[in-house]
C-alpha atoms as a PDB file:
ATOM      1  CA  MET A   1       0.000   0.000   0.000  1.00  0.00           C
ATOM      2  CA  ASP A   2       2.981   2.268   0.523  1.00  0.00           C
ATOM      3  CA  TRP A   3       3.698   2.467  -3.193  1.00  0.00           C
ATOM      4  CA  LEU A   4       0.199   3.953  -3.902  1.00  0.00           C
ATOM      5  CA  ILE A   5       0.739   6.908  -1.583  1.00  0.00           C
ATOM      6  CA  SER A   6       4.067   7.904  -3.116  1.00  0.00           C
ATOM      7  CA  THR A   7       2.540   7.802  -6.629  1.00  0.00           C
ATOM      8  CA  ALA A   8      -0.368  10.001  -5.586  1.00  0.00           C
ATOM      9  CA  ALA A   9       1.978  12.534  -4.014  1.00  0.00           C
ATOM     10  CA  ALA A  10       4.047  12.713  -7.186  1.00  0.00           C
ATOM     11  CA  GLN A  11       0.941  13.375  -9.293  1.00  0.00           C
ATOM     12  CA  ALA A  12      -0.251  16.160  -6.996  1.00  0.00           C
ATOM     13  CA  GLN A  13       3.020  18.064  -7.392  1.00  0.00           C
ATOM     14  CA  GLY A  14       2.839  18.074 -11.201  1.00  0.00           C
ATOM     15  CA  ALA A  15       5.271  16.648 -13.662  1.00  0.00           C
ATOM     16  CA  PRO A  16       8.730  18.214 -13.633  1.00  0.00           C
ATOM     17  CA  GLY A  17       9.486  20.285 -16.717  1.00  0.00           C
ATOM     18  CA  GLN A  18       5.850  21.198 -17.420  1.00  0.00           C
ATOM     19  CA  PRO A  19       5.710  24.712 -18.984  1.00  0.00           C
ATOM     20  CA  SER A  20       4.082  27.538 -17.080  1.00  0.00           C
ATOM     21  CA  ALA A  21       0.796  29.108 -18.172  1.00  0.00           C
ATOM     22  CA  LEU A  22       2.618  32.098 -19.720  1.00  0.00           C
ATOM     23  CA  MET A  23       4.792  29.822 -21.839  1.00  0.00           C
ATOM     24  CA  GLN A  24       1.681  28.025 -23.100  1.00  0.00           C
ATOM     25  CA  PHE A  25       0.107  31.316 -24.269  1.00  0.00           C
ATOM     26  CA  LEU A  26       3.312  32.773 -25.694  1.00  0.00           C
ATOM     27  CA  PRO A  27       2.824  31.352 -29.237  1.00  0.00           C
ATOM     28  CA  LEU A  28      -0.727  32.737 -29.329  1.00  0.00           C
ATOM     29  CA  ILE A  29       0.511  36.157 -28.217  1.00  0.00           C
ATOM     30  CA  LEU A  30       3.281  36.122 -30.829  1.00  0.00           C
ATOM     31  CA  ILE A  31       0.806  35.229 -33.592  1.00  0.00           C
ATOM     32  CA  PHE A  32      -1.417  38.157 -32.579  1.00  0.00           C
ATOM     33  CA  VAL A  33       1.559  40.554 -32.631  1.00  0.00           C
ATOM     34  CA  VAL A  34       2.561  39.359 -36.110  1.00  0.00           C
ATOM     35  CA  PHE A  35      -1.012  39.743 -37.396  1.00  0.00           C
ATOM     36  CA  TYR A  36      -1.171  43.243 -35.936  1.00  0.00           C
ATOM     37  CA  PHE A  37       1.995  44.445 -37.652  1.00  0.00           C
ATOM     38  CA  LEU A  38       1.437  42.629 -40.962  1.00  0.00           C
ATOM     39  CA  LEU A  39      -2.343  42.970 -41.429  1.00  0.00           C
ATOM     40  CA  ILE A  40      -4.195  45.282 -39.055  1.00  0.00           C
ATOM     41  CA  ARG A  41      -1.794  48.232 -38.873  1.00  0.00           C
ATOM     42  CA  PRO A  42      -1.212  48.616 -42.660  1.00  0.00           C
ATOM     43  CA  GLN A  43      -4.955  48.333 -43.327  1.00  0.00           C
ATOM     44  CA  THR A  44      -5.829  51.092 -40.851  1.00  0.00           C
ATOM     45  CA  LYS A  45      -3.068  53.284 -42.318  1.00  0.00           C
ATOM     46  CA  ARG A  46      -4.428  52.737 -45.832  1.00  0.00           C
ATOM     47  CA  ALA A  47      -7.990  53.529 -44.676  1.00  0.00           C
ATOM     48  CA  LYS A  48      -6.804  56.743 -42.982  1.00  0.00           C
ATOM     49  CA  GLU A  49      -5.027  57.861 -46.177  1.00  0.00           C
ATOM     50  CA  HIS A  50      -8.167  57.124 -48.249  1.00  0.00           C
ATOM     51  CA  ARG A  51     -10.377  59.148 -45.878  1.00  0.00           C
ATOM     52  CA  ALA A  52      -7.969  62.093 -46.148  1.00  0.00           C
ATOM     53  CA  MET A  53      -7.897  61.823 -49.946  1.00  0.00           C
ATOM     54  CA  VAL A  54     -11.713  61.712 -50.173  1.00  0.00           C
ATOM     55  CA  ALA A  55     -12.041  64.693 -47.830  1.00  0.00           C
ATOM     56  CA  ALA A  56      -9.662  66.737 -50.035  1.00  0.00           C
ATOM     57  CA  LEU A  57     -11.569  66.166 -53.307  1.00  0.00           C
ATOM     58  CA  GLU A  58     -12.342  69.344 -55.238  1.00  0.00           C
ATOM     59  CA  ALA A  59     -13.771  70.336 -58.599  1.00  0.00           C
ATOM     60  CA  GLY A  60     -11.284  70.022 -61.440  1.00  0.00           C
ATOM     61  CA  ALA A  61      -9.397  67.052 -60.011  1.00  0.00           C
ATOM     62  CA  GLU A  62      -8.953  64.041 -62.269  1.00  0.00           C
ATOM     63  CA  VAL A  63      -9.908  60.807 -60.526  1.00  0.00           C
ATOM     64  CA  ALA A  64     -10.368  57.079 -61.006  1.00  0.00           C
ATOM     65  CA  THR A  65     -13.288  55.323 -59.332  1.00  0.00           C
ATOM     66  CA  SER A  66     -13.162  51.869 -57.832  1.00  0.00           C
ATOM     67  CA  GLY A  67     -15.202  50.696 -60.822  1.00  0.00           C
ATOM     68  CA  GLY A  68     -12.440  51.779 -63.190  1.00  0.00           C
ATOM     69  CA  ILE A  69     -14.078  54.937 -64.566  1.00  0.00           C
ATOM     70  CA  ILE A  70     -11.727  57.885 -65.006  1.00  0.00           C
ATOM     71  CA  GLY A  71     -12.864  61.460 -65.356  1.00  0.00           C
ATOM     72  CA  LYS A  72     -12.772  64.994 -64.058  1.00  0.00           C
ATOM     73  CA  ILE A  73     -14.768  66.152 -61.044  1.00  0.00           C
ATOM     74  CA  THR A  74     -17.258  68.891 -61.879  1.00  0.00           C
ATOM     75  CA  GLN A  75     -19.271  69.131 -58.647  1.00  0.00           C
ATOM     76  CA  VAL A  76     -18.629  68.059 -55.068  1.00  0.00           C
ATOM     77  CA  SER A  77     -21.292  67.626 -52.362  1.00  0.00           C
ATOM     78  CA  ASP A  78     -21.297  66.001 -48.924  1.00  0.00           C
ATOM     79  CA  GLN A  79     -21.975  62.437 -50.088  1.00  0.00           C
ATOM     80  CA  TYR A  80     -21.713  62.546 -53.889  1.00  0.00           C
ATOM     81  CA  VAL A  81     -19.307  63.705 -56.580  1.00  0.00           C
ATOM     82  CA  THR A  82     -20.217  64.445 -60.191  1.00  0.00           C
ATOM     83  CA  VAL A  83     -17.568  63.117 -62.577  1.00  0.00           C
ATOM     84  CA  GLU A  84     -17.408  64.113 -66.248  1.00  0.00           C
ATOM     85  CA  ILE A  85     -16.251  60.992 -68.112  1.00  0.00           C
ATOM     86  CA  ALA A  86     -16.636  62.430 -71.620  1.00  0.00           C
ATOM     87  CA  GLN A  87     -17.638  65.791 -73.023  1.00  0.00           C
ATOM     88  CA  GLY A  88     -21.245  66.307 -71.965  1.00  0.00           C
ATOM     89  CA  VAL A  89     -21.457  62.949 -70.101  1.00  0.00           C
ATOM     90  CA  GLU A  90     -21.556  63.252 -66.326  1.00  0.00           C
ATOM     91  CA  VAL A  91     -21.937  60.519 -63.739  1.00  0.00           C
ATOM     92  CA  LYS A  92     -22.819  61.013 -60.085  1.00  0.00           C
ATOM     93  CA  VAL A  93     -20.892  58.653 -57.766  1.00  0.00           C
ATOM     94  CA  GLN A  94     -20.492  58.360 -54.021  1.00  0.00           C
ATOM     95  CA  ARG A  95     -17.399  60.022 -52.590  1.00  0.00           C
ATOM     96  CA  HIS A  96     -15.966  56.887 -51.027  1.00  0.00           C
ATOM     97  CA  THR A  97     -15.897  55.095 -54.407  1.00  0.00           C
ATOM     98  CA  ILE A  98     -13.107  57.385 -55.621  1.00  0.00           C
ATOM     99  CA  ALA A  99     -10.051  55.113 -55.626  1.00  0.00           C
ATOM    100  CA  GLN A 100      -7.312  57.599 -56.507  1.00  0.00           C
ATOM    101  CA  VAL A 101      -6.592  61.108 -57.660  1.00  0.00           C
ATOM    102  CA  LEU A 102      -4.753  61.082 -60.985  1.00  0.00           C
ATOM    103  CA  PRO A 103      -2.129  63.569 -62.213  1.00  0.00           C
ATOM    104  CA  LYS A 104      -3.395  66.466 -64.354  1.00  0.00           C
ATOM    105  CA  GLY A 105      -3.706  65.573 -68.036  1.00  0.00           C
ATOM    106  CA  THR A 106      -4.364  61.873 -67.506  1.00  0.00           C
ATOM    107  CA  VAL A 107      -7.948  62.046 -68.811  1.00  0.00           C
ATOM    108  CA  LYS A 108      -6.899  63.616 -72.113  1.00  0.00           C
ATOM    109  CA  SER A 109      -4.155  61.065 -72.710  1.00  0.00           C
ATOM    110  CA  ALA A 110      -6.443  58.086 -71.963  1.00  0.00           C
END
């Protein structure tokens, strides 16, 4: 019966060399840090730059929409922008669909 008691006492103390709780969560923490620096942070930076670009839109700027339409802005309102895609052809699009502001003269060369 003596051999049962010594086994039970050894099990209660825990196995030697078992990692601590912090060491078990360390890989999970490292994965989150990598995701933050490789995915989350660049995406928020890109979104901030897009919001600033959309806020700075003005009439006369040449733009490309997310749908691939290029043209010149003729009117700007709070939510919408009127883009002239050809002479006499104007399209009203939402401000956030403007993908990029193009250099002057791009519309004529396209």
